[in-house]
Amino acid sequence: MRITNLEVNTEAVKKMLFSKSWTINELAERAGVSLMTANRFVNGHVLPYPSTMKKLCKALNCTPEEITKEKEN
């Protein structure tokens, strides 16, 4: 699977945030990223750079595979 064929699985990310009772702001703080970056990630506007994805996954305690999916054509 090529990374260019991936997008954020927003449903999975939002479920994780909900289960932790976190806001997007709290995710940003815990991951050490800007609020804008976290917001664009959670809402599926961008697939983060690998270094940012690593920070977000560490904060959410998940793998990239759990929060991405193949793009639908």
N, C-alpha and C. Protein backbone atom coordinates (compact mmCIF):
# COMPACT_ATOMS: atom_id res chain seq x y z
N MET A 1 0.85 -1.18 0.00
CA MET A 1 0.00 0.00 0.00
C MET A 1 0.89 1.24 0.00
N ARG A 2 0.70 2.10 -0.97
CA ARG A 2 1.48 3.33 -1.05
C ARG A 2 0.87 4.39 -0.17
N ILE A 3 1.71 5.21 0.46
CA ILE A 3 1.23 6.25 1.37
C ILE A 3 0.35 7.27 0.65
N THR A 4 0.56 7.47 -0.65
CA THR A 4 -0.26 8.42 -1.38
C THR A 4 -1.70 7.94 -1.54
N ASN A 5 -1.95 6.68 -1.28
CA ASN A 5 -3.29 6.12 -1.38
C ASN A 5 -3.99 6.10 -0.03
N LEU A 6 -3.43 6.78 0.96
CA LEU A 6 -4.00 6.77 2.30
C LEU A 6 -4.65 8.10 2.64
N GLU A 7 -5.62 8.02 3.54
CA GLU A 7 -6.24 9.20 4.12
C GLU A 7 -6.56 8.90 5.57
N VAL A 8 -6.84 9.93 6.33
CA VAL A 8 -7.16 9.77 7.74
C VAL A 8 -8.54 9.12 7.87
N ASN A 9 -8.63 8.15 8.73
CA ASN A 9 -9.92 7.53 9.06
C ASN A 9 -10.53 8.38 10.17
N THR A 10 -11.24 9.42 9.78
CA THR A 10 -11.75 10.39 10.75
C THR A 10 -12.69 9.76 11.77
N GLU A 11 -13.45 8.79 11.33
CA GLU A 11 -14.37 8.12 12.26
C GLU A 11 -13.60 7.43 13.38
N ALA A 12 -12.52 6.74 13.04
CA ALA A 12 -11.70 6.05 14.04
C ALA A 12 -11.04 7.05 14.99
N VAL A 13 -10.52 8.15 14.43
CA VAL A 13 -9.86 9.15 15.26
C VAL A 13 -10.86 9.78 16.22
N LYS A 14 -12.03 10.14 15.73
CA LYS A 14 -13.04 10.77 16.59
C LYS A 14 -13.53 9.81 17.67
N LYS A 15 -13.62 8.52 17.35
CA LYS A 15 -14.00 7.54 18.37
C LYS A 15 -12.94 7.46 19.47
N MET A 16 -11.67 7.52 19.06
CA MET A 16 -10.58 7.50 20.05
C MET A 16 -10.64 8.73 20.95
N LEU A 17 -10.85 9.88 20.35
CA LEU A 17 -10.95 11.11 21.15
C LEU A 17 -12.13 11.02 22.11
N PHE A 18 -13.27 10.54 21.62
CA PHE A 18 -14.46 10.42 22.44
C PHE A 18 -14.23 9.46 23.61
N SER A 19 -13.58 8.32 23.33
CA SER A 19 -13.35 7.33 24.38
C SER A 19 -12.42 7.86 25.47
N LYS A 20 -11.57 8.81 25.11
CA LYS A 20 -10.65 9.40 26.08
C LYS A 20 -11.21 10.70 26.68
N SER A 21 -12.37 11.12 26.19
CA SER A 21 -12.99 12.39 26.59
C SER A 21 -12.06 13.56 26.33
N TRP A 22 -11.37 13.52 25.17
CA TRP A 22 -10.44 14.57 24.79
C TRP A 22 -11.05 15.49 23.75
N THR A 23 -10.66 16.72 23.80
CA THR A 23 -10.97 17.66 22.73
C THR A 23 -9.81 17.64 21.74
N ILE A 24 -10.01 18.27 20.61
CA ILE A 24 -8.93 18.39 19.64
C ILE A 24 -7.78 19.18 20.25
N ASN A 25 -8.11 20.17 21.05
CA ASN A 25 -7.08 20.96 21.72
C ASN A 25 -6.23 20.09 22.64
N GLU A 26 -6.88 19.20 23.37
CA GLU A 26 -6.13 18.32 24.27
C GLU A 26 -5.23 17.37 23.48
N LEU A 27 -5.73 16.86 22.35
CA LEU A 27 -4.88 16.02 21.50
C LEU A 27 -3.66 16.80 21.05
N ALA A 28 -3.87 18.04 20.62
CA ALA A 28 -2.75 18.87 20.16
C ALA A 28 -1.72 19.04 21.26
N GLU A 29 -2.18 19.35 22.45
CA GLU A 29 -1.25 19.54 23.58
C GLU A 29 -0.49 18.26 23.90
N ARG A 30 -1.19 17.14 23.96
CA ARG A 30 -0.55 15.87 24.32
C ARG A 30 0.42 15.38 23.24
N ALA A 31 0.10 15.70 21.98
CA ALA A 31 0.96 15.27 20.88
C ALA A 31 2.09 16.26 20.60
N GLY A 32 1.97 17.46 21.14
CA GLY A 32 3.00 18.47 20.90
C GLY A 32 2.93 19.05 19.49
N VAL A 33 1.71 19.18 18.98
CA VAL A 33 1.50 19.77 17.65
C VAL A 33 0.58 20.97 17.80
N SER A 34 0.50 21.78 16.76
CA SER A 34 -0.37 22.95 16.82
C SER A 34 -1.84 22.53 16.78
N LEU A 35 -2.68 23.40 17.29
CA LEU A 35 -4.12 23.15 17.24
C LEU A 35 -4.58 23.03 15.79
N MET A 36 -4.03 23.86 14.91
CA MET A 36 -4.41 23.80 13.50
C MET A 36 -4.06 22.44 12.90
N THR A 37 -2.88 21.92 13.21
CA THR A 37 -2.46 20.62 12.70
C THR A 37 -3.39 19.53 13.21
N ALA A 38 -3.68 19.53 14.50
CA ALA A 38 -4.57 18.52 15.07
C ALA A 38 -5.96 18.61 14.47
N ASN A 39 -6.46 19.82 14.30
CA ASN A 39 -7.79 20.01 13.73
C ASN A 39 -7.86 19.50 12.29
N ARG A 40 -6.86 19.82 11.50
CA ARG A 40 -6.84 19.37 10.10
C ARG A 40 -6.72 17.86 10.02
N PHE A 41 -5.99 17.25 10.96
CA PHE A 41 -5.84 15.80 11.02
C PHE A 41 -7.16 15.14 11.40
N VAL A 42 -7.76 15.58 12.50
CA VAL A 42 -9.00 14.97 13.00
C VAL A 42 -10.12 15.08 11.96
N ASN A 43 -10.16 16.17 11.24
CA ASN A 43 -11.22 16.38 10.26
C ASN A 43 -10.88 15.86 8.87
N GLY A 44 -9.72 15.21 8.74
CA GLY A 44 -9.37 14.54 7.50
C GLY A 44 -8.93 15.44 6.36
N HIS A 45 -8.53 16.65 6.67
CA HIS A 45 -8.10 17.57 5.61
C HIS A 45 -6.70 17.26 5.10
N VAL A 46 -5.88 16.62 5.93
CA VAL A 46 -4.51 16.28 5.53
C VAL A 46 -4.10 14.96 6.17
N LEU A 47 -3.19 14.28 5.49
CA LEU A 47 -2.50 13.15 6.08
C LEU A 47 -1.18 13.71 6.59
N PRO A 48 -0.95 13.69 7.89
CA PRO A 48 0.24 14.35 8.45
C PRO A 48 1.55 13.75 7.94
N TYR A 49 2.60 14.56 8.02
CA TYR A 49 3.94 14.05 7.76
C TYR A 49 4.20 12.89 8.71
N PRO A 50 5.07 11.95 8.32
CA PRO A 50 5.35 10.80 9.17
C PRO A 50 5.76 11.19 10.61
N SER A 51 6.56 12.24 10.76
CA SER A 51 6.98 12.64 12.11
C SER A 51 5.80 13.14 12.94
N THR A 52 4.87 13.82 12.30
CA THR A 52 3.68 14.31 13.01
C THR A 52 2.74 13.15 13.30
N MET A 53 2.61 12.24 12.36
CA MET A 53 1.76 11.07 12.56
C MET A 53 2.26 10.26 13.75
N LYS A 54 3.58 10.15 13.88
CA LYS A 54 4.16 9.42 15.01
C LYS A 54 3.77 10.07 16.33
N LYS A 55 3.81 11.39 16.40
CA LYS A 55 3.42 12.11 17.63
C LYS A 55 1.94 11.91 17.94
N LEU A 56 1.11 11.99 16.91
CA LEU A 56 -0.34 11.83 17.12
C LEU A 56 -0.66 10.40 17.57
N CYS A 57 0.00 9.43 16.95
CA CYS A 57 -0.22 8.03 17.34
C CYS A 57 0.25 7.76 18.76
N LYS A 58 1.36 8.35 19.13
CA LYS A 58 1.85 8.17 20.49
C LYS A 58 0.85 8.74 21.49
N ALA A 59 0.32 9.91 21.21
CA ALA A 59 -0.65 10.52 22.10
C ALA A 59 -1.93 9.69 22.18
N LEU A 60 -2.37 9.15 21.05
CA LEU A 60 -3.60 8.35 21.01
C LEU A 60 -3.37 6.89 21.40
N ASN A 61 -2.11 6.50 21.55
CA ASN A 61 -1.76 5.12 21.88
C ASN A 61 -2.30 4.16 20.81
N CYS A 62 -1.94 4.43 19.57
CA CYS A 62 -2.39 3.60 18.46
C CYS A 62 -1.30 3.54 17.39
N THR A 63 -1.56 2.76 16.36
CA THR A 63 -0.65 2.67 15.22
C THR A 63 -1.22 3.49 14.07
N PRO A 64 -0.39 3.86 13.12
CA PRO A 64 -0.92 4.58 11.95
C PRO A 64 -1.98 3.78 11.19
N GLU A 65 -1.84 2.48 11.18
CA GLU A 65 -2.81 1.62 10.48
C GLU A 65 -4.20 1.71 11.10
N GLU A 66 -4.26 2.01 12.39
CA GLU A 66 -5.56 2.10 13.06
C GLU A 66 -6.31 3.39 12.74
N ILE A 67 -5.59 4.39 12.25
CA ILE A 67 -6.24 5.69 12.03
C ILE A 67 -6.11 6.20 10.59
N THR A 68 -5.74 5.29 9.69
CA THR A 68 -5.72 5.62 8.27
C THR A 68 -6.51 4.57 7.51
N LYS A 69 -6.85 4.90 6.30
CA LYS A 69 -7.53 3.96 5.42
C LYS A 69 -7.16 4.29 3.98
N GLU A 70 -7.43 3.36 3.09
CA GLU A 70 -7.17 3.62 1.68
C GLU A 70 -8.21 4.62 1.17
N LYS A 71 -7.75 5.52 0.31
CA LYS A 71 -8.65 6.50 -0.29
C LYS A 71 -9.70 5.80 -1.13
N GLU A 72 -10.91 6.31 -1.03
CA GLU A 72 -11.98 5.80 -1.87
C GLU A 72 -11.99 6.60 -3.17
N ASN A 73 -12.10 5.92 -4.27
CA ASN A 73 -12.12 6.63 -5.56
C ASN A 73 -13.51 6.88 -6.02
